[in-house]
Amino acid sequence: MRNKIHLTGSWFIRAPQKDVFNLITDFENMPKYFPKVAKEVNIVKRDGNKLSIQAKVKSFGRIFRL
């Protein structure tokens, strides 16, 4: 079994809620919007409003596959 890491964060963003929601749920473009963190994001399954994704992210100088 893999070790699990759970990270949470909070940000105050001065923008309309709809704009923020549209940005953070545009998973396929996250590498464009957040290039220092999201290296690769692929949607592997869609079921209504539920998505399964595979991603390669960078945090604390290390690359992780999710």
PDB file of N, CA and C in Angstrom:
ATOM      1  N   MET A   1       0.830  -1.178   0.000  1.00  0.00           N
ATOM      2  CA  MET A   1       0.000   0.000   0.000  1.00  0.00           C
ATOM      3  C   MET A   1       0.882   1.252   0.000  1.00  0.00           C
ATOM      4  N   ARG A   2       0.502   2.224  -0.789  1.00  0.00           N
ATOM      5  CA  ARG A   2       1.247   3.473  -0.852  1.00  0.00           C
ATOM      6  C   ARG A   2       0.975   4.330   0.372  1.00  0.00           C
ATOM      7  N   ASN A   3       1.978   5.092   0.755  1.00  0.00           N
ATOM      8  CA  ASN A   3       1.762   6.105   1.786  1.00  0.00           C
ATOM      9  C   ASN A   3       0.946   7.228   1.172  1.00  0.00           C
ATOM     10  N   LYS A   4       0.029   7.770   1.918  1.00  0.00           N
ATOM     11  CA  LYS A   4      -0.809   8.855   1.416  1.00  0.00           C
ATOM     12  C   LYS A   4      -0.388  10.172   2.047  1.00  0.00           C
ATOM     13  N   ILE A   5      -0.427  11.207   1.227  1.00  0.00           N
ATOM     14  CA  ILE A   5      -0.159  12.558   1.693  1.00  0.00           C
ATOM     15  C   ILE A   5      -1.417  13.367   1.448  1.00  0.00           C
ATOM     16  N   HIS A   6      -1.865  14.095   2.438  1.00  0.00           N
ATOM     17  CA  HIS A   6      -3.047  14.943   2.296  1.00  0.00           C
ATOM     18  C   HIS A   6      -2.621  16.385   2.556  1.00  0.00           C
ATOM     19  N   LEU A   7      -2.787  17.231   1.546  1.00  0.00           N
ATOM     20  CA  LEU A   7      -2.433  18.638   1.674  1.00  0.00           C
ATOM     21  C   LEU A   7      -3.686  19.490   1.540  1.00  0.00           C
ATOM     22  N   THR A   8      -3.780  20.516   2.327  1.00  0.00           N
ATOM     23  CA  THR A   8      -4.879  21.473   2.194  1.00  0.00           C
ATOM     24  C   THR A   8      -4.295  22.878   2.216  1.00  0.00           C
ATOM     25  N   GLY A   9      -5.043  23.805   1.674  1.00  0.00           N
ATOM     26  CA  GLY A   9      -4.592  25.191   1.675  1.00  0.00           C
ATOM     27  C   GLY A   9      -5.776  26.121   1.540  1.00  0.00           C
ATOM     28  N   SER A  10      -5.539  27.374   1.831  1.00  0.00           N
ATOM     29  CA  SER A  10      -6.575  28.400   1.702  1.00  0.00           C
ATOM     30  C   SER A  10      -5.971  29.632   1.053  1.00  0.00           C
ATOM     31  N   TRP A  11      -6.750  30.254   0.202  1.00  0.00           N
ATOM     32  CA  TRP A  11      -6.334  31.486  -0.449  1.00  0.00           C
ATOM     33  C   TRP A  11      -7.511  32.443  -0.468  1.00  0.00           C
ATOM     34  N   PHE A  12      -7.233  33.712  -0.345  1.00  0.00           N
ATOM     35  CA  PHE A  12      -8.239  34.754  -0.540  1.00  0.00           C
ATOM     36  C   PHE A  12      -8.002  35.324  -1.927  1.00  0.00           C
ATOM     37  N   ILE A  13      -8.997  35.228  -2.779  1.00  0.00           N
ATOM     38  CA  ILE A  13      -8.860  35.639  -4.174  1.00  0.00           C
ATOM     39  C   ILE A  13      -9.889  36.722  -4.462  1.00  0.00           C
ATOM     40  N   ARG A  14      -9.416  37.828  -4.977  1.00  0.00           N
ATOM     41  CA  ARG A  14     -10.312  38.939  -5.326  1.00  0.00           C
ATOM     42  C   ARG A  14     -10.755  38.765  -6.771  1.00  0.00           C
ATOM     43  N   ALA A  15     -11.761  37.937  -6.952  1.00  0.00           N
ATOM     44  CA  ALA A  15     -12.328  37.672  -8.279  1.00  0.00           C
ATOM     45  C   ALA A  15     -13.717  37.087  -8.071  1.00  0.00           C
ATOM     46  N   PRO A  16     -14.573  37.203  -9.073  1.00  0.00           N
ATOM     47  CA  PRO A  16     -15.898  36.593  -8.952  1.00  0.00           C
ATOM     48  C   PRO A  16     -15.783  35.078  -8.745  1.00  0.00           C
ATOM     49  N   GLN A  17     -16.629  34.542  -7.877  1.00  0.00           N
ATOM     50  CA  GLN A  17     -16.605  33.114  -7.547  1.00  0.00           C
ATOM     51  C   GLN A  17     -16.710  32.250  -8.799  1.00  0.00           C
ATOM     52  N   LYS A  18     -17.553  32.629  -9.737  1.00  0.00           N
ATOM     53  CA  LYS A  18     -17.731  31.856 -10.968  1.00  0.00           C
ATOM     54  C   LYS A  18     -16.422  31.763 -11.756  1.00  0.00           C
ATOM     55  N   ASP A  19     -15.673  32.868 -11.843  1.00  0.00           N
ATOM     56  CA  ASP A  19     -14.401  32.862 -12.570  1.00  0.00           C
ATOM     57  C   ASP A  19     -13.383  31.948 -11.899  1.00  0.00           C
ATOM     58  N   VAL A  20     -13.319  32.001 -10.573  1.00  0.00           N
ATOM     59  CA  VAL A  20     -12.390  31.143  -9.834  1.00  0.00           C
ATOM     60  C   VAL A  20     -12.774  29.679 -10.014  1.00  0.00           C
ATOM     61  N   PHE A  21     -14.057  29.364  -9.887  1.00  0.00           N
ATOM     62  CA  PHE A  21     -14.523  27.983 -10.056  1.00  0.00           C
ATOM     63  C   PHE A  21     -14.176  27.467 -11.454  1.00  0.00           C
ATOM     64  N   ASN A  22     -14.433  28.275 -12.480  1.00  0.00           N
ATOM     65  CA  ASN A  22     -14.126  27.852 -13.852  1.00  0.00           C
ATOM     66  C   ASN A  22     -12.639  27.586 -14.041  1.00  0.00           C
ATOM     67  N   LEU A  23     -11.796  28.381 -13.422  1.00  0.00           N
ATOM     68  CA  LEU A  23     -10.355  28.198 -13.543  1.00  0.00           C
ATOM     69  C   LEU A  23      -9.890  26.926 -12.841  1.00  0.00           C
ATOM     70  N   ILE A  24     -10.316  26.733 -11.593  1.00  0.00           N
ATOM     71  CA  ILE A  24      -9.787  25.591 -10.834  1.00  0.00           C
ATOM     72  C   ILE A  24     -10.421  24.261 -11.221  1.00  0.00           C
ATOM     73  N   THR A  25     -11.483  24.283 -12.014  1.00  0.00           N
ATOM     74  CA  THR A  25     -12.070  23.026 -12.487  1.00  0.00           C
ATOM     75  C   THR A  25     -11.718  22.747 -13.945  1.00  0.00           C
ATOM     76  N   ASP A  26     -10.864  23.554 -14.524  1.00  0.00           N
ATOM     77  CA  ASP A  26     -10.378  23.335 -15.893  1.00  0.00           C
ATOM     78  C   ASP A  26      -9.098  22.507 -15.802  1.00  0.00           C
ATOM     79  N   PHE A  27      -9.251  21.245 -15.410  1.00  0.00           N
ATOM     80  CA  PHE A  27      -8.111  20.386 -15.098  1.00  0.00           C
ATOM     81  C   PHE A  27      -7.131  20.240 -16.252  1.00  0.00           C
ATOM     82  N   GLU A  28      -7.630  20.094 -17.463  1.00  0.00           N
ATOM     83  CA  GLU A  28      -6.744  19.875 -18.607  1.00  0.00           C
ATOM     84  C   GLU A  28      -5.819  21.064 -18.867  1.00  0.00           C
ATOM     85  N   ASN A  29      -6.210  22.254 -18.447  1.00  0.00           N
ATOM     86  CA  ASN A  29      -5.369  23.438 -18.655  1.00  0.00           C
ATOM     87  C   ASN A  29      -4.597  23.863 -17.413  1.00  0.00           C
ATOM     88  N   MET A  30      -4.625  23.068 -16.363  1.00  0.00           N
ATOM     89  CA  MET A  30      -3.888  23.437 -15.153  1.00  0.00           C
ATOM     90  C   MET A  30      -2.392  23.632 -15.401  1.00  0.00           C
ATOM     91  N   PRO A  31      -1.743  22.821 -16.257  1.00  0.00           N
ATOM     92  CA  PRO A  31      -0.323  23.092 -16.514  1.00  0.00           C
ATOM     93  C   PRO A  31      -0.087  24.484 -17.114  1.00  0.00           C
ATOM     94  N   LYS A  32      -1.050  24.994 -17.860  1.00  0.00           N
ATOM     95  CA  LYS A  32      -0.933  26.343 -18.431  1.00  0.00           C
ATOM     96  C   LYS A  32      -1.132  27.400 -17.349  1.00  0.00           C
ATOM     97  N   TYR A  33      -2.117  27.204 -16.481  1.00  0.00           N
ATOM     98  CA  TYR A  33      -2.432  28.183 -15.443  1.00  0.00           C
ATOM     99  C   TYR A  33      -1.476  28.119 -14.249  1.00  0.00           C
ATOM    100  N   PHE A  34      -1.005  26.922 -13.922  1.00  0.00           N
ATOM    101  CA  PHE A  34      -0.150  26.712 -12.747  1.00  0.00           C
ATOM    102  C   PHE A  34       1.102  25.921 -13.139  1.00  0.00           C
ATOM    103  N   PRO A  35       1.965  26.480 -14.011  1.00  0.00           N
ATOM    104  CA  PRO A  35       3.097  25.712 -14.543  1.00  0.00           C
ATOM    105  C   PRO A  35       4.136  25.290 -13.506  1.00  0.00           C
ATOM    106  N   LYS A  36       4.218  25.967 -12.384  1.00  0.00           N
ATOM    107  CA  LYS A  36       5.202  25.583 -11.365  1.00  0.00           C
ATOM    108  C   LYS A  36       4.731  24.406 -10.526  1.00  0.00           C
ATOM    109  N   VAL A  37       3.444  24.091 -10.596  1.00  0.00           N
ATOM    110  CA  VAL A  37       2.882  23.007  -9.779  1.00  0.00           C
ATOM    111  C   VAL A  37       2.364  21.866 -10.647  1.00  0.00           C
ATOM    112  N   ALA A  38       1.494  22.164 -11.594  1.00  0.00           N
ATOM    113  CA  ALA A  38       0.868  21.128 -12.431  1.00  0.00           C
ATOM    114  C   ALA A  38       1.720  20.903 -13.672  1.00  0.00           C
ATOM    115  N   LYS A  39       2.360  19.759 -13.742  1.00  0.00           N
ATOM    116  CA  LYS A  39       3.213  19.444 -14.879  1.00  0.00           C
ATOM    117  C   LYS A  39       2.438  18.749 -15.990  1.00  0.00           C
ATOM    118  N   GLU A  40       1.459  17.941 -15.609  1.00  0.00           N
ATOM    119  CA  GLU A  40       0.683  17.167 -16.586  1.00  0.00           C
ATOM    120  C   GLU A  40      -0.624  16.742 -15.928  1.00  0.00           C
ATOM    121  N   VAL A  41      -1.741  16.927 -16.622  1.00  0.00           N
ATOM    122  CA  VAL A  41      -3.042  16.504 -16.099  1.00  0.00           C
ATOM    123  C   VAL A  41      -3.844  15.899 -17.241  1.00  0.00           C
ATOM    124  N   ASN A  42      -4.319  14.678 -17.049  1.00  0.00           N
ATOM    125  CA  ASN A  42      -5.127  13.993 -18.056  1.00  0.00           C
ATOM    126  C   ASN A  42      -6.401  13.460 -17.418  1.00  0.00           C
ATOM    127  N   ILE A  43      -7.514  13.705 -18.072  1.00  0.00           N
ATOM    128  CA  ILE A  43      -8.785  13.141 -17.625  1.00  0.00           C
ATOM    129  C   ILE A  43      -8.884  11.744 -18.213  1.00  0.00           C
ATOM    130  N   VAL A  44      -9.022  10.735 -17.359  1.00  0.00           N
ATOM    131  CA  VAL A  44      -9.075   9.353 -17.833  1.00  0.00           C
ATOM    132  C   VAL A  44     -10.491   8.794 -17.842  1.00  0.00           C
ATOM    133  N   LYS A  45     -11.416   9.454 -17.118  1.00  0.00           N
ATOM    134  CA  LYS A  45     -12.800   8.983 -17.096  1.00  0.00           C
ATOM    135  C   LYS A  45     -13.725  10.128 -16.712  1.00  0.00           C
ATOM    136  N   ARG A  46     -14.857  10.193 -17.398  1.00  0.00           N
ATOM    137  CA  ARG A  46     -15.902  11.167 -17.065  1.00  0.00           C
ATOM    138  C   ARG A  46     -17.179  10.396 -16.770  1.00  0.00           C
ATOM    139  N   ASP A  47     -17.847  10.757 -15.676  1.00  0.00           N
ATOM    140  CA  ASP A  47     -19.127  10.156 -15.321  1.00  0.00           C
ATOM    141  C   ASP A  47     -20.003  11.273 -14.764  1.00  0.00           C
ATOM    142  N   GLY A  48     -20.763  11.912 -15.644  1.00  0.00           N
ATOM    143  CA  GLY A  48     -21.548  13.073 -15.224  1.00  0.00           C
ATOM    144  C   GLY A  48     -20.617  14.201 -14.832  1.00  0.00           C
ATOM    145  N   ASN A  49     -20.752  14.690 -13.602  1.00  0.00           N
ATOM    146  CA  ASN A  49     -19.860  15.757 -13.145  1.00  0.00           C
ATOM    147  C   ASN A  49     -18.686  15.226 -12.326  1.00  0.00           C
ATOM    148  N   LYS A  50     -18.454  13.915 -12.378  1.00  0.00           N
ATOM    149  CA  LYS A  50     -17.320  13.306 -11.682  1.00  0.00           C
ATOM    150  C   LYS A  50     -16.232  12.985 -12.698  1.00  0.00           C
ATOM    151  N   LEU A  51     -15.000  13.294 -12.333  1.00  0.00           N
ATOM    152  CA  LEU A  51     -13.860  13.030 -13.196  1.00  0.00           C
ATOM    153  C   LEU A  51     -12.845  12.175 -12.465  1.00  0.00           C
ATOM    154  N   SER A  52     -12.183  11.313 -13.215  1.00  0.00           N
ATOM    155  CA  SER A  52     -11.000  10.622 -12.712  1.00  0.00           C
ATOM    156  C   SER A  52      -9.835  11.179 -13.513  1.00  0.00           C
ATOM    157  N   ILE A  53      -8.802  11.622 -12.815  1.00  0.00           N
ATOM    158  CA  ILE A  53      -7.665  12.209 -13.506  1.00  0.00           C
ATOM    159  C   ILE A  53      -6.378  11.506 -13.110  1.00  0.00           C
ATOM    160  N   GLN A  54      -5.391  11.610 -13.990  1.00  0.00           N
ATOM    161  CA  GLN A  54      -4.018  11.240 -13.680  1.00  0.00           C
ATOM    162  C   GLN A  54      -3.226  12.528 -13.818  1.00  0.00           C
ATOM    163  N   ALA A  55      -2.316  12.763 -12.902  1.00  0.00           N
ATOM    164  CA  ALA A  55      -1.577  14.018 -12.939  1.00  0.00           C
ATOM    165  C   ALA A  55      -0.143  13.817 -12.476  1.00  0.00           C
ATOM    166  N   LYS A  56       0.701  14.698 -12.959  1.00  0.00           N
ATOM    167  CA  LYS A  56       2.080  14.790 -12.489  1.00  0.00           C
ATOM    168  C   LYS A  56       2.224  16.206 -11.939  1.00  0.00           C
ATOM    169  N   VAL A  57       2.520  16.312 -10.648  1.00  0.00           N
ATOM    170  CA  VAL A  57       2.600  17.612  -9.993  1.00  0.00           C
ATOM    171  C   VAL A  57       3.952  17.773  -9.298  1.00  0.00           C
ATOM    172  N   LYS A  58       4.314  19.017  -9.074  1.00  0.00           N
ATOM    173  CA  LYS A  58       5.571  19.299  -8.381  1.00  0.00           C
ATOM    174  C   LYS A  58       5.260  20.022  -7.082  1.00  0.00           C
ATOM    175  N   SER A  59       5.847  19.526  -6.006  1.00  0.00           N
ATOM    176  CA  SER A  59       5.669  20.149  -4.700  1.00  0.00           C
ATOM    177  C   SER A  59       6.932  19.930  -3.881  1.00  0.00           C
ATOM    178  N   PHE A  60       7.377  20.956  -3.212  1.00  0.00           N
ATOM    179  CA  PHE A  60       8.583  20.877  -2.384  1.00  0.00           C
ATOM    180  C   PHE A  60       9.775  20.345  -3.176  1.00  0.00           C
ATOM    181  N   GLY A  61       9.843  20.721  -4.467  1.00  0.00           N
ATOM    182  CA  GLY A  61      10.965  20.329  -5.309  1.00  0.00           C
ATOM    183  C   GLY A  61      10.923  18.905  -5.827  1.00  0.00           C
ATOM    184  N   ARG A  62       9.852  18.186  -5.573  1.00  0.00           N
ATOM    185  CA  ARG A  62       9.746  16.790  -6.025  1.00  0.00           C
ATOM    186  C   ARG A  62       8.563  16.640  -6.962  1.00  0.00           C
ATOM    187  N   ILE A  63       8.679  15.694  -7.892  1.00  0.00           N
ATOM    188  CA  ILE A  63       7.601  15.381  -8.827  1.00  0.00           C
ATOM    189  C   ILE A  63       6.817  14.191  -8.276  1.00  0.00           C
ATOM    190  N   PHE A  64       5.498  14.299  -8.281  1.00  0.00           N
ATOM    191  CA  PHE A  64       4.613  13.236  -7.810  1.00  0.00           C
ATOM    192  C   PHE A  64       3.626  12.883  -8.906  1.00  0.00           C
ATOM    193  N   ARG A  65       3.328  11.604  -9.058  1.00  0.00           N
ATOM    194  CA  ARG A  65       2.273  11.152  -9.966  1.00  0.00           C
ATOM    195  C   ARG A  65       1.041  10.840  -9.130  1.00  0.00           C
ATOM    196  N   LEU A  66      -0.094  11.383  -9.551  1.00  0.00           N
ATOM    197  CA  LEU A  66      -1.355  11.178  -8.831  1.00  0.00           C
ATOM    198  C   LEU A  66      -2.314  10.406  -9.702  1.00  0.00           C
TER     199      LEU A  66
END
